[in-house]
Amino acid sequence: NPTKGVLKVKVGKAGSDELEISIFDISGKKILTRTCSGQ
């Protein structure tokens, strides 16, 4: 951060939980969303 494109989200201990990771632009529009768990 800043990034040129590929972004990594390291969640550490929270990796054992089911997470919803979403990315929004500055206007609040959701660009993408993913349900993540196990990593």
ModelCIF file with pLDDT and N, C-alpha, C, O atoms, coordinates in Angstrom:
data_MODEL
#
_entry.id   MODEL 
#
_entity.id                         1 
_entity.type                       polymer 
_entity.pdbx_number_of_molecules   1 
#
_entity_poly.entity_id                      1 
_entity_poly.type                           'polypeptide(L)' 
_entity_poly.nstd_linkage                   no 
_entity_poly.nstd_monomer                   no 
_entity_poly.pdbx_seq_one_letter_code       NPTKGVLKVKVGKAGSDELEISIFDISGKKILTRTCSGQ 
_entity_poly.pdbx_seq_one_letter_code_can   NPTKGVLKVKVGKAGSDELEISIFDISGKKILTRTCSGQ 
_entity_poly.pdbx_strand_id                 A 
#
loop_
_entity_poly_seq.entity_id 
_entity_poly_seq.num 
_entity_poly_seq.mon_id 
_entity_poly_seq.hetero 
1 1  ASN n 
1 2  PRO n 
1 3  THR n 
1 4  LYS n 
1 5  GLY n 
1 6  VAL n 
1 7  LEU n 
1 8  LYS n 
1 9  VAL n 
1 10 LYS n 
1 11 VAL n 
1 12 GLY n 
1 13 LYS n 
1 14 ALA n 
1 15 GLY n 
1 16 SER n 
1 17 ASP n 
1 18 GLU n 
1 19 LEU n 
1 20 GLU n 
1 21 ILE n 
1 22 SER n 
1 23 ILE n 
1 24 PHE n 
1 25 ASP n 
1 26 ILE n 
1 27 SER n 
1 28 GLY n 
1 29 LYS n 
1 30 LYS n 
1 31 ILE n 
1 32 LEU n 
1 33 THR n 
1 34 ARG n 
1 35 THR n 
1 36 CYS n 
1 37 SER n 
1 38 GLY n 
1 39 GLN n 
#
_struct_asym.id          A 
_struct_asym.entity_id   1 
#
loop_
_ma_qa_metric.id 
_ma_qa_metric.mode 
_ma_qa_metric.name 
_ma_qa_metric.software_group_id 
_ma_qa_metric.type 
1 global pLDDT . pLDDT 
2 local  pLDDT . pLDDT 
#
_ma_qa_metric_global.metric_id      1 
_ma_qa_metric_global.metric_value   84.74 
_ma_qa_metric_global.model_id       1 
_ma_qa_metric_global.ordinal_id     1 
#
loop_
_ma_qa_metric_local.label_asym_id 
_ma_qa_metric_local.label_comp_id 
_ma_qa_metric_local.label_seq_id 
_ma_qa_metric_local.metric_id 
_ma_qa_metric_local.metric_value 
_ma_qa_metric_local.model_id 
_ma_qa_metric_local.ordinal_id 
A ASN 1  2 90.00 1 1  
A PRO 2  2 92.00 1 2  
A THR 3  2 91.00 1 3  
A LYS 4  2 91.00 1 4  
A GLY 5  2 91.00 1 5  
A VAL 6  2 93.00 1 6  
A LEU 7  2 93.00 1 7  
A LYS 8  2 92.00 1 8  
A VAL 9  2 91.00 1 9  
A LYS 10 2 89.00 1 10 
A VAL 11 2 82.00 1 11 
A GLY 12 2 74.00 1 12 
A LYS 13 2 67.00 1 13 
A ALA 14 2 57.00 1 14 
A GLY 15 2 56.00 1 15 
A SER 16 2 66.00 1 16 
A ASP 17 2 76.00 1 17 
A GLU 18 2 86.00 1 18 
A LEU 19 2 89.00 1 19 
A GLU 20 2 90.00 1 20 
A ILE 21 2 91.00 1 21 
A SER 22 2 91.00 1 22 
A ILE 23 2 91.00 1 23 
A PHE 24 2 87.00 1 24 
A ASP 25 2 85.00 1 25 
A ILE 26 2 79.00 1 26 
A SER 27 2 76.00 1 27 
A GLY 28 2 77.00 1 28 
A LYS 29 2 82.00 1 29 
A LYS 30 2 86.00 1 30 
A ILE 31 2 89.00 1 31 
A LEU 32 2 91.00 1 32 
A THR 33 2 92.00 1 33 
A ARG 34 2 92.00 1 34 
A THR 35 2 92.00 1 35 
A CYS 36 2 89.00 1 36 
A SER 37 2 87.00 1 37 
A GLY 38 2 85.00 1 38 
A GLN 39 2 87.00 1 39 
#
loop_
_atom_site.group_PDB 
_atom_site.id 
_atom_site.type_symbol 
_atom_site.label_atom_id 
_atom_site.label_alt_id 
_atom_site.label_comp_id 
_atom_site.label_asym_id 
_atom_site.label_entity_id 
_atom_site.label_seq_id 
_atom_site.pdbx_PDB_ins_code 
_atom_site.Cartn_x 
_atom_site.Cartn_y 
_atom_site.Cartn_z 
_atom_site.occupancy 
_atom_site.B_iso_or_equiv 
_atom_site.pdbx_formal_charge 
_atom_site.auth_seq_id 
_atom_site.auth_comp_id 
_atom_site.auth_asym_id 
_atom_site.auth_atom_id 
_atom_site.pdbx_PDB_model_num 
ATOM 1   N N  . ASN A 1 1  ? 0.848   -1.189  0.000   1.00 90.00 ? 1  ASN A N  1 
ATOM 2   C CA . ASN A 1 1  ? 0.000   0.000   0.000   1.00 90.00 ? 1  ASN A CA 1 
ATOM 3   C C  . ASN A 1 1  ? 0.888   1.244   0.000   1.00 90.00 ? 1  ASN A C  1 
ATOM 4   O O  . ASN A 1 1  ? 1.500   1.575   1.016   1.00 90.00 ? 1  ASN A O  1 
ATOM 5   N N  . PRO A 1 2  ? 0.956   1.935   -1.147  1.00 92.00 ? 2  PRO A N  1 
ATOM 6   C CA . PRO A 1 2  ? 0.182   1.814   -2.385  1.00 92.00 ? 2  PRO A CA 1 
ATOM 7   C C  . PRO A 1 2  ? 0.490   0.511   -3.130  1.00 92.00 ? 2  PRO A C  1 
ATOM 8   O O  . PRO A 1 2  ? 1.529   -0.116  -2.922  1.00 92.00 ? 2  PRO A O  1 
ATOM 9   N N  . THR A 1 3  ? -0.458  0.122   -4.015  1.00 91.00 ? 3  THR A N  1 
ATOM 10  C CA . THR A 1 3  ? -0.297  -1.068  -4.832  1.00 91.00 ? 3  THR A CA 1 
ATOM 11  C C  . THR A 1 3  ? -0.481  -0.712  -6.303  1.00 91.00 ? 3  THR A C  1 
ATOM 12  O O  . THR A 1 3  ? -1.197  0.226   -6.653  1.00 91.00 ? 3  THR A O  1 
ATOM 13  N N  . LYS A 1 4  ? 0.182   -1.483  -7.145  1.00 91.00 ? 4  LYS A N  1 
ATOM 14  C CA . LYS A 1 4  ? 0.019   -1.284  -8.585  1.00 91.00 ? 4  LYS A CA 1 
ATOM 15  C C  . LYS A 1 4  ? -1.021  -2.226  -9.177  1.00 91.00 ? 4  LYS A C  1 
ATOM 16  O O  . LYS A 1 4  ? -1.274  -2.191  -10.381 1.00 91.00 ? 4  LYS A O  1 
ATOM 17  N N  . GLY A 1 5  ? -1.616  -3.058  -8.353  1.00 91.00 ? 5  GLY A N  1 
ATOM 18  C CA . GLY A 1 5  ? -2.662  -3.940  -8.867  1.00 91.00 ? 5  GLY A CA 1 
ATOM 19  C C  . GLY A 1 5  ? -2.966  -5.096  -7.955  1.00 91.00 ? 5  GLY A C  1 
ATOM 20  O O  . GLY A 1 5  ? -4.097  -5.233  -7.490  1.00 91.00 ? 5  GLY A O  1 
ATOM 21  N N  . VAL A 1 6  ? -1.966  -5.951  -7.682  1.00 93.00 ? 6  VAL A N  1 
ATOM 22  C CA . VAL A 1 6  ? -2.185  -7.127  -6.840  1.00 93.00 ? 6  VAL A CA 1 
ATOM 23  C C  . VAL A 1 6  ? -2.080  -6.724  -5.373  1.00 93.00 ? 6  VAL A C  1 
ATOM 24  O O  . VAL A 1 6  ? -1.081  -6.151  -4.937  1.00 93.00 ? 6  VAL A O  1 
ATOM 25  N N  . LEU A 1 7  ? -3.123  -7.033  -4.632  1.00 93.00 ? 7  LEU A N  1 
ATOM 26  C CA . LEU A 1 7  ? -3.220  -6.654  -3.224  1.00 93.00 ? 7  LEU A CA 1 
ATOM 27  C C  . LEU A 1 7  ? -3.306  -7.919  -2.388  1.00 93.00 ? 7  LEU A C  1 
ATOM 28  O O  . LEU A 1 7  ? -4.017  -8.855  -2.757  1.00 93.00 ? 7  LEU A O  1 
ATOM 29  N N  . LYS A 1 8  ? -2.597  -7.964  -1.274  1.00 92.00 ? 8  LYS A N  1 
ATOM 30  C CA . LYS A 1 8  ? -2.645  -9.111  -0.375  1.00 92.00 ? 8  LYS A CA 1 
ATOM 31  C C  . LYS A 1 8  ? -3.257  -8.686  0.959   1.00 92.00 ? 8  LYS A C  1 
ATOM 32  O O  . LYS A 1 8  ? -2.956  -7.617  1.489   1.00 92.00 ? 8  LYS A O  1 
ATOM 33  N N  . VAL A 1 9  ? -4.114  -9.541  1.479   1.00 91.00 ? 9  VAL A N  1 
ATOM 34  C CA . VAL A 1 9  ? -4.737  -9.316  2.788   1.00 91.00 ? 9  VAL A CA 1 
ATOM 35  C C  . VAL A 1 9  ? -4.298  -10.448 3.699   1.00 91.00 ? 9  VAL A C  1 
ATOM 36  O O  . VAL A 1 9  ? -4.700  -11.596 3.507   1.00 91.00 ? 9  VAL A O  1 
ATOM 37  N N  . LYS A 1 10 ? -3.483  -10.134 4.679   1.00 89.00 ? 10 LYS A N  1 
ATOM 38  C CA . LYS A 1 10 ? -3.000  -11.119 5.648   1.00 89.00 ? 10 LYS A CA 1 
ATOM 39  C C  . LYS A 1 10 ? -3.849  -10.996 6.908   1.00 89.00 ? 10 LYS A C  1 
ATOM 40  O O  . LYS A 1 10 ? -3.880  -9.944  7.546   1.00 89.00 ? 10 LYS A O  1 
ATOM 41  N N  . VAL A 1 11 ? -4.535  -12.076 7.259   1.00 82.00 ? 11 VAL A N  1 
ATOM 42  C CA . VAL A 1 11 ? -5.491  -12.020 8.366   1.00 82.00 ? 11 VAL A CA 1 
ATOM 43  C C  . VAL A 1 11 ? -4.972  -12.692 9.634   1.00 82.00 ? 11 VAL A C  1 
ATOM 44  O O  . VAL A 1 11 ? -5.595  -12.569 10.688  1.00 82.00 ? 11 VAL A O  1 
ATOM 45  N N  . GLY A 1 12 ? -3.852  -13.394 9.556   1.00 74.00 ? 12 GLY A N  1 
ATOM 46  C CA . GLY A 1 12 ? -3.252  -13.987 10.739  1.00 74.00 ? 12 GLY A CA 1 
ATOM 47  C C  . GLY A 1 12 ? -4.167  -14.964 11.438  1.00 74.00 ? 12 GLY A C  1 
ATOM 48  O O  . GLY A 1 12 ? -4.679  -15.898 10.822  1.00 74.00 ? 12 GLY A O  1 
ATOM 49  N N  . LYS A 1 13 ? -4.378  -14.745 12.759  1.00 67.00 ? 13 LYS A N  1 
ATOM 50  C CA . LYS A 1 13 ? -5.191  -15.668 13.557  1.00 67.00 ? 13 LYS A CA 1 
ATOM 51  C C  . LYS A 1 13 ? -6.631  -15.755 13.068  1.00 67.00 ? 13 LYS A C  1 
ATOM 52  O O  . LYS A 1 13 ? -7.300  -16.768 13.269  1.00 67.00 ? 13 LYS A O  1 
ATOM 53  N N  . ALA A 1 14 ? -7.114  -14.670 12.414  1.00 57.00 ? 14 ALA A N  1 
ATOM 54  C CA . ALA A 1 14 ? -8.501  -14.669 11.940  1.00 57.00 ? 14 ALA A CA 1 
ATOM 55  C C  . ALA A 1 14 ? -8.700  -15.625 10.765  1.00 57.00 ? 14 ALA A C  1 
ATOM 56  O O  . ALA A 1 14 ? -9.831  -15.834 10.324  1.00 57.00 ? 14 ALA A O  1 
ATOM 57  N N  . GLY A 1 15 ? -7.608  -16.210 10.252  1.00 56.00 ? 15 GLY A N  1 
ATOM 58  C CA . GLY A 1 15 ? -7.718  -17.106 9.110   1.00 56.00 ? 15 GLY A CA 1 
ATOM 59  C C  . GLY A 1 15 ? -8.549  -18.342 9.386   1.00 56.00 ? 15 GLY A C  1 
ATOM 60  O O  . GLY A 1 15 ? -9.061  -18.969 8.459   1.00 56.00 ? 15 GLY A O  1 
ATOM 61  N N  . SER A 1 16 ? -8.687  -18.694 10.648  1.00 66.00 ? 16 SER A N  1 
ATOM 62  C CA . SER A 1 16 ? -9.496  -19.865 10.989  1.00 66.00 ? 16 SER A CA 1 
ATOM 63  C C  . SER A 1 16 ? -10.985 -19.568 10.952  1.00 66.00 ? 16 SER A C  1 
ATOM 64  O O  . SER A 1 16 ? -11.799 -20.491 10.953  1.00 66.00 ? 16 SER A O  1 
ATOM 65  N N  . ASP A 1 17 ? -11.354 -18.289 10.918  1.00 76.00 ? 17 ASP A N  1 
ATOM 66  C CA . ASP A 1 17 ? -12.763 -17.888 10.853  1.00 76.00 ? 17 ASP A CA 1 
ATOM 67  C C  . ASP A 1 17 ? -13.209 -17.722 9.405   1.00 76.00 ? 17 ASP A C  1 
ATOM 68  O O  . ASP A 1 17 ? -12.382 -17.554 8.510   1.00 76.00 ? 17 ASP A O  1 
ATOM 69  N N  . GLU A 1 18 ? -14.511 -17.771 9.181   1.00 86.00 ? 18 GLU A N  1 
ATOM 70  C CA . GLU A 1 18 ? -15.036 -17.447 7.856   1.00 86.00 ? 18 GLU A CA 1 
ATOM 71  C C  . GLU A 1 18 ? -15.148 -15.934 7.752   1.00 86.00 ? 18 GLU A C  1 
ATOM 72  O O  . GLU A 1 18 ? -15.795 -15.290 8.578   1.00 86.00 ? 18 GLU A O  1 
ATOM 73  N N  . LEU A 1 19 ? -14.512 -15.373 6.731   1.00 89.00 ? 19 LEU A N  1 
ATOM 74  C CA . LEU A 1 19 ? -14.472 -13.930 6.558   1.00 89.00 ? 19 LEU A CA 1 
ATOM 75  C C  . LEU A 1 19 ? -15.126 -13.542 5.239   1.00 89.00 ? 19 LEU A C  1 
ATOM 76  O O  . LEU A 1 19 ? -15.095 -14.296 4.266   1.00 89.00 ? 19 LEU A O  1 
ATOM 77  N N  . GLU A 1 20 ? -15.712 -12.362 5.224   1.00 90.00 ? 20 GLU A N  1 
ATOM 78  C CA . GLU A 1 20 ? -16.172 -11.764 3.978   1.00 90.00 ? 20 GLU A CA 1 
ATOM 79  C C  . GLU A 1 20 ? -15.278 -10.567 3.706   1.00 90.00 ? 20 GLU A C  1 
ATOM 80  O O  . GLU A 1 20 ? -15.309 -9.580  4.441   1.00 90.00 ? 20 GLU A O  1 
ATOM 81  N N  . ILE A 1 21 ? -14.489 -10.658 2.658   1.00 91.00 ? 21 ILE A N  1 
ATOM 82  C CA . ILE A 1 21 ? -13.582 -9.571  2.295   1.00 91.00 ? 21 ILE A CA 1 
ATOM 83  C C  . ILE A 1 21 ? -14.123 -8.889  1.052   1.00 91.00 ? 21 ILE A C  1 
ATOM 84  O O  . ILE A 1 21 ? -14.299 -9.519  0.009   1.00 91.00 ? 21 ILE A O  1 
ATOM 85  N N  . SER A 1 22 ? -14.390 -7.574  1.175   1.00 91.00 ? 22 SER A N  1 
ATOM 86  C CA . SER A 1 22 ? -14.958 -6.793  0.074   1.00 91.00 ? 22 SER A CA 1 
ATOM 87  C C  . SER A 1 22 ? -14.089 -5.584  -0.181  1.00 91.00 ? 22 SER A C  1 
ATOM 88  O O  . SER A 1 22 ? -13.458 -5.059  0.736   1.00 91.00 ? 22 SER A O  1 
ATOM 89  N N  . ILE A 1 23 ? -14.055 -5.144  -1.415  1.00 91.00 ? 23 ILE A N  1 
ATOM 90  C CA . ILE A 1 23 ? -13.301 -3.946  -1.787  1.00 91.00 ? 23 ILE A CA 1 
ATOM 91  C C  . ILE A 1 23 ? -14.262 -2.954  -2.421  1.00 91.00 ? 23 ILE A C  1 
ATOM 92  O O  . ILE A 1 23 ? -15.022 -3.312  -3.320  1.00 91.00 ? 23 ILE A O  1 
ATOM 93  N N  . PHE A 1 24 ? -14.233 -1.705  -1.956  1.00 87.00 ? 24 PHE A N  1 
ATOM 94  C CA . PHE A 1 24 ? -15.116 -0.636  -2.412  1.00 87.00 ? 24 PHE A CA 1 
ATOM 95  C C  . PHE A 1 24 ? -14.280 0.487   -2.992  1.00 87.00 ? 24 PHE A C  1 
ATOM 96  O O  . PHE A 1 24 ? -13.156 0.724   -2.551  1.00 87.00 ? 24 PHE A O  1 
ATOM 97  N N  . ASP A 1 25 ? -14.834 1.190   -3.996  1.00 85.00 ? 25 ASP A N  1 
ATOM 98  C CA . ASP A 1 25 ? -14.146 2.389   -4.483  1.00 85.00 ? 25 ASP A CA 1 
ATOM 99  C C  . ASP A 1 25 ? -14.494 3.573   -3.591  1.00 85.00 ? 25 ASP A C  1 
ATOM 100 O O  . ASP A 1 25 ? -15.246 3.421   -2.628  1.00 85.00 ? 25 ASP A O  1 
ATOM 101 N N  . ILE A 1 26 ? -13.956 4.750   -3.900  1.00 79.00 ? 26 ILE A N  1 
ATOM 102 C CA . ILE A 1 26 ? -14.124 5.916   -3.033  1.00 79.00 ? 26 ILE A CA 1 
ATOM 103 C C  . ILE A 1 26 ? -15.576 6.362   -2.936  1.00 79.00 ? 26 ILE A C  1 
ATOM 104 O O  . ILE A 1 26 ? -15.952 7.027   -1.971  1.00 79.00 ? 26 ILE A O  1 
ATOM 105 N N  . SER A 1 27 ? -16.404 6.003   -3.928  1.00 76.00 ? 27 SER A N  1 
ATOM 106 C CA . SER A 1 27 ? -17.818 6.392   -3.908  1.00 76.00 ? 27 SER A CA 1 
ATOM 107 C C  . SER A 1 27 ? -18.669 5.439   -3.082  1.00 76.00 ? 27 SER A C  1 
ATOM 108 O O  . SER A 1 27 ? -19.846 5.708   -2.842  1.00 76.00 ? 27 SER A O  1 
ATOM 109 N N  . GLY A 1 28 ? -18.073 4.311   -2.637  1.00 77.00 ? 28 GLY A N  1 
ATOM 110 C CA . GLY A 1 28 ? -18.826 3.324   -1.880  1.00 77.00 ? 28 GLY A CA 1 
ATOM 111 C C  . GLY A 1 28 ? -19.337 2.174   -2.725  1.00 77.00 ? 28 GLY A C  1 
ATOM 112 O O  . GLY A 1 28 ? -20.027 1.294   -2.211  1.00 77.00 ? 28 GLY A O  1 
ATOM 113 N N  . LYS A 1 29 ? -19.013 2.160   -4.021  1.00 82.00 ? 29 LYS A N  1 
ATOM 114 C CA . LYS A 1 29 ? -19.436 1.077   -4.902  1.00 82.00 ? 29 LYS A CA 1 
ATOM 115 C C  . LYS A 1 29 ? -18.590 -0.164  -4.650  1.00 82.00 ? 29 LYS A C  1 
ATOM 116 O O  . LYS A 1 29 ? -17.362 -0.088  -4.604  1.00 82.00 ? 29 LYS A O  1 
ATOM 117 N N  . LYS A 1 30 ? -19.256 -1.311  -4.485  1.00 86.00 ? 30 LYS A N  1 
ATOM 118 C CA . LYS A 1 30 ? -18.540 -2.548  -4.229  1.00 86.00 ? 30 LYS A CA 1 
ATOM 119 C C  . LYS A 1 30 ? -17.912 -3.052  -5.531  1.00 86.00 ? 30 LYS A C  1 
ATOM 120 O O  . LYS A 1 30 ? -18.615 -3.297  -6.511  1.00 86.00 ? 30 LYS A O  1 
ATOM 121 N N  . ILE A 1 31 ? -16.582 -3.204  -5.533  1.00 89.00 ? 31 ILE A N  1 
ATOM 122 C CA . ILE A 1 31 ? -15.859 -3.653  -6.712  1.00 89.00 ? 31 ILE A CA 1 
ATOM 123 C C  . ILE A 1 31 ? -15.838 -5.174  -6.788  1.00 89.00 ? 31 ILE A C  1 
ATOM 124 O O  . ILE A 1 31 ? -16.044 -5.754  -7.854  1.00 89.00 ? 31 ILE A O  1 
ATOM 125 N N  . LEU A 1 32 ? -15.588 -5.815  -5.648  1.00 91.00 ? 32 LEU A N  1 
ATOM 126 C CA . LEU A 1 32 ? -15.589 -7.272  -5.593  1.00 91.00 ? 32 LEU A CA 1 
ATOM 127 C C  . LEU A 1 32 ? -15.796 -7.707  -4.156  1.00 91.00 ? 32 LEU A C  1 
ATOM 128 O O  . LEU A 1 32 ? -15.600 -6.930  -3.222  1.00 91.00 ? 32 LEU A O  1 
ATOM 129 N N  . THR A 1 33 ? -16.194 -8.960  -3.990  1.00 92.00 ? 33 THR A N  1 
ATOM 130 C CA . THR A 1 33 ? -16.364 -9.526  -2.653  1.00 92.00 ? 33 THR A CA 1 
ATOM 131 C C  . THR A 1 33 ? -16.070 -11.015 -2.720  1.00 92.00 ? 33 THR A C  1 
ATOM 132 O O  . THR A 1 33 ? -16.310 -11.664 -3.738  1.00 92.00 ? 33 THR A O  1 
ATOM 133 N N  . ARG A 1 34 ? -15.541 -11.554 -1.608  1.00 92.00 ? 34 ARG A N  1 
ATOM 134 C CA . ARG A 1 34 ? -15.173 -12.966 -1.585  1.00 92.00 ? 34 ARG A CA 1 
ATOM 135 C C  . ARG A 1 34 ? -15.343 -13.500 -0.176  1.00 92.00 ? 34 ARG A C  1 
ATOM 136 O O  . ARG A 1 34 ? -14.989 -12.830 0.794   1.00 92.00 ? 34 ARG A O  1 
ATOM 137 N N  . THR A 1 35 ? -15.881 -14.701 -0.060  1.00 92.00 ? 35 THR A N  1 
ATOM 138 C CA . THR A 1 35 ? -15.957 -15.386 1.224   1.00 92.00 ? 35 THR A CA 1 
ATOM 139 C C  . THR A 1 35 ? -14.691 -16.215 1.382   1.00 92.00 ? 35 THR A C  1 
ATOM 140 O O  . THR A 1 35 ? -14.372 -17.038 0.525   1.00 92.00 ? 35 THR A O  1 
ATOM 141 N N  . CYS A 1 36 ? -13.967 -15.999 2.486   1.00 89.00 ? 36 CYS A N  1 
ATOM 142 C CA . CYS A 1 36 ? -12.649 -16.604 2.668   1.00 89.00 ? 36 CYS A CA 1 
ATOM 143 C C  . CYS A 1 36 ? -12.600 -17.361 3.994   1.00 89.00 ? 36 CYS A C  1 
ATOM 144 O O  . CYS A 1 36 ? -13.178 -16.919 4.988   1.00 89.00 ? 36 CYS A O  1 
ATOM 145 N N  . SER A 1 37 ? -11.911 -18.501 4.008   1.00 87.00 ? 37 SER A N  1 
ATOM 146 C CA . SER A 1 37 ? -11.679 -19.242 5.243   1.00 87.00 ? 37 SER A CA 1 
ATOM 147 C C  . SER A 1 37 ? -10.551 -20.247 5.020   1.00 87.00 ? 37 SER A C  1 
ATOM 148 O O  . SER A 1 37 ? -10.299 -20.685 3.897   1.00 87.00 ? 37 SER A O  1 
ATOM 149 N N  . GLY A 1 38 ? -9.872  -20.605 6.125   1.00 85.00 ? 38 GLY A N  1 
ATOM 150 C CA . GLY A 1 38 ? -8.867  -21.653 6.070   1.00 85.00 ? 38 GLY A CA 1 
ATOM 151 C C  . GLY A 1 38 ? -7.470  -21.194 5.722   1.00 85.00 ? 38 GLY A C  1 
ATOM 152 O O  . GLY A 1 38 ? -6.547  -22.005 5.784   1.00 85.00 ? 38 GLY A O  1 
ATOM 153 N N  . GLN A 1 39 ? -7.260  -19.934 5.358   1.00 87.00 ? 39 GLN A N  1 
ATOM 154 C CA . GLN A 1 39 ? -5.934  -19.435 5.043   1.00 87.00 ? 39 GLN A CA 1 
ATOM 155 C C  . GLN A 1 39 ? -5.654  -18.198 5.886   1.00 87.00 ? 39 GLN A C  1 
ATOM 156 O O  . GLN A 1 39 ? -4.578  -17.609 5.779   1.00 87.00 ? 39 GLN A O  1 
#
